[in-house]
Amino acid sequence: MDELSPEFTRKKFKVVYKDHKLDLANYYAETQDPELSVLINSSGLFELFTYHGKASEKYGIKIGDKVRITVI
C-alpha cells in the first residue's frame, strides 16, 4: 500500500502481523508498553513499532513481511 490520503486515514483499521492483532495508535507515546503497535506515520504509511524499543529485533520483522490491513 502506498501513502494514505488524509481522507483515508480517518477510517478505522484492523491490523494483523503474524499472530499479533494491533490497535492503531495516534502517536508513539500513546501505547507506552513494549508490545508491538502500529500507527500511520507523518509520511502517511503504516508503521509497526514498540515504544522505546526496536520492533524489528524483538519481533523479527523484515522488509517484505506481510501485514494484513482491513478497513472496518
PDB file of N, CA and C in Angstrom:
ATOM      1  N   MET A   1       0.851  -1.168   0.000  1.00  0.00           N
ATOM      2  CA  MET A   1       0.000   0.000   0.000  1.00  0.00           C
ATOM      3  C   MET A   1       0.897   1.231   0.000  1.00  0.00           C
ATOM      4  N   ASP A   2       0.558   2.175  -0.826  1.00  0.00           N
ATOM      5  CA  ASP A   2       1.301   3.426  -0.888  1.00  0.00           C
ATOM      6  C   ASP A   2       0.807   4.386   0.181  1.00  0.00           C
ATOM      7  N   GLU A   3       1.284   5.607   0.112  1.00  0.00           N
ATOM      8  CA  GLU A   3       0.914   6.649   1.073  1.00  0.00           C
ATOM      9  C   GLU A   3      -0.600   6.818   1.142  1.00  0.00           C
ATOM     10  N   LEU A   4      -1.108   7.028   2.351  1.00  0.00           N
ATOM     11  CA  LEU A   4      -2.543   7.189   2.568  1.00  0.00           C
ATOM     12  C   LEU A   4      -2.954   8.646   2.454  1.00  0.00           C
ATOM     13  N   SER A   5      -4.081   8.893   1.845  1.00  0.00           N
ATOM     14  CA  SER A   5      -4.600  10.259   1.760  1.00  0.00           C
ATOM     15  C   SER A   5      -5.204  10.653   3.099  1.00  0.00           C
ATOM     16  N   PRO A   6      -5.277  11.950   3.422  1.00  0.00           N
ATOM     17  CA  PRO A   6      -5.861  12.385   4.695  1.00  0.00           C
ATOM     18  C   PRO A   6      -7.282  11.876   4.905  1.00  0.00           C
ATOM     19  N   GLU A   7      -8.088  11.799   3.850  1.00  0.00           N
ATOM     20  CA  GLU A   7      -9.456  11.313   3.992  1.00  0.00           C
ATOM     21  C   GLU A   7      -9.465   9.841   4.396  1.00  0.00           C
ATOM     22  N   PHE A   8      -8.540   9.065   3.857  1.00  0.00           N
ATOM     23  CA  PHE A   8      -8.484   7.633   4.140  1.00  0.00           C
ATOM     24  C   PHE A   8      -8.038   7.374   5.573  1.00  0.00           C
ATOM     25  N   THR A   9      -7.176   8.217   6.124  1.00  0.00           N
ATOM     26  CA  THR A   9      -6.648   7.981   7.467  1.00  0.00           C
ATOM     27  C   THR A   9      -7.698   8.168   8.552  1.00  0.00           C
ATOM     28  N   ARG A  10      -8.834   8.743   8.231  1.00  0.00           N
ATOM     29  CA  ARG A  10      -9.893   8.912   9.226  1.00  0.00           C
ATOM     30  C   ARG A  10     -10.676   7.621   9.447  1.00  0.00           C
ATOM     31  N   LYS A  11     -10.489   6.640   8.609  1.00  0.00           N
ATOM     32  CA  LYS A  11     -11.203   5.372   8.737  1.00  0.00           C
ATOM     33  C   LYS A  11     -10.579   4.536   9.852  1.00  0.00           C
ATOM     34  N   LYS A  12     -11.285   3.482  10.269  1.00  0.00           N
ATOM     35  CA  LYS A  12     -10.754   2.581  11.287  1.00  0.00           C
ATOM     36  C   LYS A  12     -10.188   1.351  10.594  1.00  0.00           C
ATOM     37  N   PHE A  13      -9.144   0.790  11.190  1.00  0.00           N
ATOM     38  CA  PHE A  13      -8.455  -0.340  10.586  1.00  0.00           C
ATOM     39  C   PHE A  13      -8.309  -1.493  11.567  1.00  0.00           C
ATOM     40  N   LYS A  14      -8.273  -2.691  11.015  1.00  0.00           N
ATOM     41  CA  LYS A  14      -7.888  -3.888  11.756  1.00  0.00           C
ATOM     42  C   LYS A  14      -6.537  -4.271  11.155  1.00  0.00           C
ATOM     43  N   VAL A  15      -5.513  -4.349  11.995  1.00  0.00           N
ATOM     44  CA  VAL A  15      -4.164  -4.633  11.516  1.00  0.00           C
ATOM     45  C   VAL A  15      -3.660  -5.905  12.193  1.00  0.00           C
ATOM     46  N   VAL A  16      -3.173  -6.860  11.385  1.00  0.00           N
ATOM     47  CA  VAL A  16      -2.659  -8.126  11.911  1.00  0.00           C
ATOM     48  C   VAL A  16      -1.283  -8.377  11.308  1.00  0.00           C
ATOM     49  N   TYR A  17      -0.301  -8.642  12.184  1.00  0.00           N
ATOM     50  CA  TYR A  17       1.042  -9.044  11.760  1.00  0.00           C
ATOM     51  C   TYR A  17       1.321 -10.384  12.413  1.00  0.00           C
ATOM     52  N   LYS A  18       1.496 -11.421  11.601  1.00  0.00           N
ATOM     53  CA  LYS A  18       1.634 -12.795  12.092  1.00  0.00           C
ATOM     54  C   LYS A  18       0.456 -13.095  13.008  1.00  0.00           C
ATOM     55  N   ASP A  19       0.675 -13.378  14.293  1.00  0.00           N
ATOM     56  CA  ASP A  19      -0.450 -13.671  15.197  1.00  0.00           C
ATOM     57  C   ASP A  19      -0.772 -12.493  16.117  1.00  0.00           C
ATOM     58  N   HIS A  20      -0.267 -11.316  15.789  1.00  0.00           N
ATOM     59  CA  HIS A  20      -0.484 -10.117  16.609  1.00  0.00           C
ATOM     60  C   HIS A  20      -1.597  -9.257  16.015  1.00  0.00           C
ATOM     61  N   LYS A  21      -2.675  -9.064  16.776  1.00  0.00           N
ATOM     62  CA  LYS A  21      -3.746  -8.144  16.378  1.00  0.00           C
ATOM     63  C   LYS A  21      -3.413  -6.792  16.989  1.00  0.00           C
ATOM     64  N   LEU A  22      -3.257  -5.777  16.156  1.00  0.00           N
ATOM     65  CA  LEU A  22      -2.749  -4.485  16.601  1.00  0.00           C
ATOM     66  C   LEU A  22      -3.813  -3.403  16.548  1.00  0.00           C
ATOM     67  N   ASP A  23      -3.859  -2.586  17.589  1.00  0.00           N
ATOM     68  CA  ASP A  23      -4.718  -1.409  17.588  1.00  0.00           C
ATOM     69  C   ASP A  23      -3.934  -0.257  16.980  1.00  0.00           C
ATOM     70  N   LEU A  24      -4.615   0.573  16.237  1.00  0.00           N
ATOM     71  CA  LEU A  24      -3.976   1.718  15.599  1.00  0.00           C
ATOM     72  C   LEU A  24      -3.802   2.840  16.616  1.00  0.00           C
ATOM     73  N   ALA A  25      -2.541   3.201  16.886  1.00  0.00           N
ATOM     74  CA  ALA A  25      -2.232   4.298  17.812  1.00  0.00           C
ATOM     75  C   ALA A  25      -2.222   5.618  17.043  1.00  0.00           C
ATOM     76  N   ASN A  26      -2.454   6.705  17.741  1.00  0.00           N
ATOM     77  CA  ASN A  26      -2.387   8.033  17.133  1.00  0.00           C
ATOM     78  C   ASN A  26      -0.971   8.596  17.161  1.00  0.00           C
ATOM     79  N   TYR A  27      -0.178   8.186  18.160  1.00  0.00           N
ATOM     80  CA  TYR A  27       1.202   8.649  18.300  1.00  0.00           C
ATOM     81  C   TYR A  27       1.978   7.617  19.118  1.00  0.00           C
ATOM     82  N   TYR A  28       3.315   7.668  19.063  1.00  0.00           N
ATOM     83  CA  TYR A  28       4.162   6.640  19.675  1.00  0.00           C
ATOM     84  C   TYR A  28       3.927   6.482  21.174  1.00  0.00           C
ATOM     85  N   ALA A  29       3.901   7.577  21.924  1.00  0.00           N
ATOM     86  CA  ALA A  29       3.799   7.507  23.387  1.00  0.00           C
ATOM     87  C   ALA A  29       2.423   7.063  23.869  1.00  0.00           C
ATOM     88  N   GLU A  30       1.469   6.964  22.981  1.00  0.00           N
ATOM     89  CA  GLU A  30       0.121   6.559  23.378  1.00  0.00           C
ATOM     90  C   GLU A  30       0.100   5.145  23.953  1.00  0.00           C
ATOM     91  N   THR A  31       0.976   4.274  23.492  1.00  0.00           N
ATOM     92  CA  THR A  31       0.967   2.885  23.956  1.00  0.00           C
ATOM     93  C   THR A  31       1.795   2.683  25.215  1.00  0.00           C
ATOM     94  N   GLN A  32       2.946   3.284  25.318  1.00  0.00           N
ATOM     95  CA  GLN A  32       3.859   3.217  26.460  1.00  0.00           C
ATOM     96  C   GLN A  32       4.059   1.827  27.040  1.00  0.00           C
ATOM     97  N   ASP A  33       3.981   0.814  26.220  1.00  0.00           N
ATOM     98  CA  ASP A  33       4.356  -0.525  26.659  1.00  0.00           C
ATOM     99  C   ASP A  33       5.227  -1.139  25.569  1.00  0.00           C
ATOM    100  N   PRO A  34       5.963  -2.186  25.897  1.00  0.00           N
ATOM    101  CA  PRO A  34       6.902  -2.745  24.926  1.00  0.00           C
ATOM    102  C   PRO A  34       6.264  -3.661  23.880  1.00  0.00           C
ATOM    103  N   GLU A  35       4.939  -3.718  23.831  1.00  0.00           N
ATOM    104  CA  GLU A  35       4.262  -4.588  22.875  1.00  0.00           C
ATOM    105  C   GLU A  35       4.256  -3.978  21.476  1.00  0.00           C
ATOM    106  N   LEU A  36       4.060  -4.820  20.495  1.00  0.00           N
ATOM    107  CA  LEU A  36       4.010  -4.374  19.108  1.00  0.00           C
ATOM    108  C   LEU A  36       2.768  -3.523  18.877  1.00  0.00           C
ATOM    109  N   SER A  37       2.951  -2.385  18.228  1.00  0.00           N
ATOM    110  CA  SER A  37       1.860  -1.456  17.935  1.00  0.00           C
ATOM    111  C   SER A  37       2.006  -0.961  16.505  1.00  0.00           C
ATOM    112  N   VAL A  38       1.003  -0.229  16.036  1.00  0.00           N
ATOM    113  CA  VAL A  38       1.029   0.320  14.681  1.00  0.00           C
ATOM    114  C   VAL A  38       0.431   1.724  14.695  1.00  0.00           C
ATOM    115  N   LEU A  39       0.957   2.574  13.814  1.00  0.00           N
ATOM    116  CA  LEU A  39       0.375   3.902  13.609  1.00  0.00           C
ATOM    117  C   LEU A  39       0.567   4.288  12.154  1.00  0.00           C
ATOM    118  N   ILE A  40      -0.081   5.366  11.766  1.00  0.00           N
ATOM    119  CA  ILE A  40       0.142   5.937  10.441  1.00  0.00           C
ATOM    120  C   ILE A  40       1.103   7.098  10.666  1.00  0.00           C
ATOM    121  N   ASN A  41       2.332   6.962  10.145  1.00  0.00           N
ATOM    122  CA  ASN A  41       3.372   7.953  10.433  1.00  0.00           C
ATOM    123  C   ASN A  41       3.175   9.247   9.642  1.00  0.00           C
ATOM    124  N   SER A  42       4.080  10.184   9.833  1.00  0.00           N
ATOM    125  CA  SER A  42       3.957  11.504   9.202  1.00  0.00           C
ATOM    126  C   SER A  42       4.076  11.451   7.680  1.00  0.00           C
ATOM    127  N   SER A  43       4.565  10.343   7.146  1.00  0.00           N
ATOM    128  CA  SER A  43       4.624  10.162   5.689  1.00  0.00           C
ATOM    129  C   SER A  43       3.355   9.519   5.149  1.00  0.00           C
ATOM    130  N   GLY A  44       2.415   9.189   6.052  1.00  0.00           N
ATOM    131  CA  GLY A  44       1.163   8.568   5.633  1.00  0.00           C
ATOM    132  C   GLY A  44       1.259   7.074   5.428  1.00  0.00           C
ATOM    133  N   LEU A  45       2.283   6.437   6.014  1.00  0.00           N
ATOM    134  CA  LEU A  45       2.486   4.998   5.878  1.00  0.00           C
ATOM    135  C   LEU A  45       2.217   4.294   7.202  1.00  0.00           C
ATOM    136  N   PHE A  46       1.745   3.048   7.134  1.00  0.00           N
ATOM    137  CA  PHE A  46       1.597   2.252   8.350  1.00  0.00           C
ATOM    138  C   PHE A  46       2.996   1.924   8.863  1.00  0.00           C
ATOM    139  N   GLU A  47       3.195   2.053  10.166  1.00  0.00           N
ATOM    140  CA  GLU A  47       4.496   1.774  10.775  1.00  0.00           C
ATOM    141  C   GLU A  47       4.294   0.903  12.008  1.00  0.00           C
ATOM    142  N   LEU A  48       4.949  -0.271  12.011  1.00  0.00           N
ATOM    143  CA  LEU A  48       4.943  -1.139  13.184  1.00  0.00           C
ATOM    144  C   LEU A  48       6.043  -0.656  14.113  1.00  0.00           C
ATOM    145  N   PHE A  49       5.760  -0.596  15.425  1.00  0.00           N
ATOM    146  CA  PHE A  49       6.755  -0.090  16.365  1.00  0.00           C
ATOM    147  C   PHE A  49       6.526  -0.661  17.760  1.00  0.00           C
ATOM    148  N   THR A  50       7.544  -0.532  18.589  1.00  0.00           N
ATOM    149  CA  THR A  50       7.418  -0.770  20.027  1.00  0.00           C
ATOM    150  C   THR A  50       7.906   0.498  20.709  1.00  0.00           C
ATOM    151  N   TYR A  51       7.233   0.891  21.746  1.00  0.00           N
ATOM    152  CA  TYR A  51       7.597   2.108  22.466  1.00  0.00           C
ATOM    153  C   TYR A  51       8.932   1.889  23.169  1.00  0.00           C
ATOM    154  N   HIS A  52       9.906   2.732  22.924  1.00  0.00           N
ATOM    155  CA  HIS A  52      11.265   2.633  23.478  1.00  0.00           C
ATOM    156  C   HIS A  52      11.903   1.281  23.178  1.00  0.00           C
ATOM    157  N   GLY A  53      11.763   0.810  21.962  1.00  0.00           N
ATOM    158  CA  GLY A  53      12.371  -0.463  21.595  1.00  0.00           C
ATOM    159  C   GLY A  53      12.528  -0.577  20.092  1.00  0.00           C
ATOM    160  N   LYS A  54      13.037  -1.723  19.656  1.00  0.00           N
ATOM    161  CA  LYS A  54      13.211  -1.987  18.229  1.00  0.00           C
ATOM    162  C   LYS A  54      12.313  -3.155  17.847  1.00  0.00           C
ATOM    163  N   ALA A  55      11.207  -2.834  17.204  1.00  0.00           N
ATOM    164  CA  ALA A  55      10.232  -3.857  16.818  1.00  0.00           C
ATOM    165  C   ALA A  55      10.860  -4.895  15.893  1.00  0.00           C
ATOM    166  N   SER A  56      11.743  -4.454  15.010  1.00  0.00           N
ATOM    167  CA  SER A  56      12.359  -5.390  14.065  1.00  0.00           C
ATOM    168  C   SER A  56      13.177  -6.455  14.786  1.00  0.00           C
ATOM    169  N   GLU A  57      13.869  -6.078  15.844  1.00  0.00           N
ATOM    170  CA  GLU A  57      14.665  -7.040  16.605  1.00  0.00           C
ATOM    171  C   GLU A  57      13.789  -7.910  17.502  1.00  0.00           C
ATOM    172  N   LYS A  58      12.874  -7.300  18.225  1.00  0.00           N
ATOM    173  CA  LYS A  58      12.044  -8.038  19.185  1.00  0.00           C
ATOM    174  C   LYS A  58      11.100  -9.024  18.500  1.00  0.00           C
ATOM    175  N   TYR A  59      10.553  -8.639  17.338  1.00  0.00           N
ATOM    176  CA  TYR A  59       9.559  -9.470  16.665  1.00  0.00           C
ATOM    177  C   TYR A  59      10.061 -10.076  15.359  1.00  0.00           C
ATOM    178  N   GLY A  60      11.320  -9.838  15.024  1.00  0.00           N
ATOM    179  CA  GLY A  60      11.892 -10.411  13.804  1.00  0.00           C
ATOM    180  C   GLY A  60      11.269  -9.866  12.526  1.00  0.00           C
ATOM    181  N   ILE A  61      10.832  -8.616  12.558  1.00  0.00           N
ATOM    182  CA  ILE A  61      10.175  -8.001  11.406  1.00  0.00           C
ATOM    183  C   ILE A  61      11.214  -7.696  10.328  1.00  0.00           C
ATOM    184  N   LYS A  62      10.862  -8.060   9.089  1.00  0.00           N
ATOM    185  CA  LYS A  62      11.762  -7.816   7.964  1.00  0.00           C
ATOM    186  C   LYS A  62      10.998  -7.120   6.840  1.00  0.00           C
ATOM    187  N   ILE A  63      11.721  -6.398   6.011  1.00  0.00           N
ATOM    188  CA  ILE A  63      11.118  -5.798   4.822  1.00  0.00           C
ATOM    189  C   ILE A  63      10.532  -6.923   3.981  1.00  0.00           C
ATOM    190  N   GLY A  64       9.312  -6.740   3.549  1.00  0.00           N
ATOM    191  CA  GLY A  64       8.642  -7.751   2.734  1.00  0.00           C
ATOM    192  C   GLY A  64       7.696  -8.641   3.519  1.00  0.00           C
ATOM    193  N   ASP A  65       7.759  -8.590   4.865  1.00  0.00           N
ATOM    194  CA  ASP A  65       6.812  -9.361   5.679  1.00  0.00           C
ATOM    195  C   ASP A  65       5.398  -8.887   5.381  1.00  0.00           C
ATOM    196  N   LYS A  66       4.462  -9.808   5.446  1.00  0.00           N
ATOM    197  CA  LYS A  66       3.067  -9.466   5.160  1.00  0.00           C
ATOM    198  C   LYS A  66       2.363  -8.953   6.404  1.00  0.00           C
ATOM    199  N   VAL A  67       1.630  -7.878   6.221  1.00  0.00           N
ATOM    200  CA  VAL A  67       0.790  -7.295   7.265  1.00  0.00           C
ATOM    201  C   VAL A  67      -0.609  -7.203   6.664  1.00  0.00           C
ATOM    202  N   ARG A  68      -1.595  -7.756   7.366  1.00  0.00           N
ATOM    203  CA  ARG A  68      -2.970  -7.704   6.861  1.00  0.00           C
ATOM    204  C   ARG A  68      -3.673  -6.480   7.443  1.00  0.00           C
ATOM    205  N   ILE A  69      -4.160  -5.615   6.568  1.00  0.00           N
ATOM    206  CA  ILE A  69      -4.849  -4.388   6.982  1.00  0.00           C
ATOM    207  C   ILE A  69      -6.242  -4.410   6.365  1.00  0.00           C
ATOM    208  N   THR A  70      -7.247  -4.289   7.232  1.00  0.00           N
ATOM    209  CA  THR A  70      -8.634  -4.292   6.787  1.00  0.00           C
ATOM    210  C   THR A  70      -9.300  -3.003   7.241  1.00  0.00           C
ATOM    211  N   VAL A  71     -10.001  -2.340   6.340  1.00  0.00           N
ATOM    212  CA  VAL A  71     -10.780  -1.157   6.710  1.00  0.00           C
ATOM    213  C   VAL A  71     -12.084  -1.657   7.319  1.00  0.00           C
ATOM    214  N   ILE A  72     -12.410  -1.141   8.523  1.00  0.00           N
ATOM    215  CA  ILE A  72     -13.654  -1.569   9.190  1.00  0.00           C
ATOM    216  C   ILE A  72     -14.607  -0.402   9.363  1.00  0.00           C
TER     217      ILE A  72
END
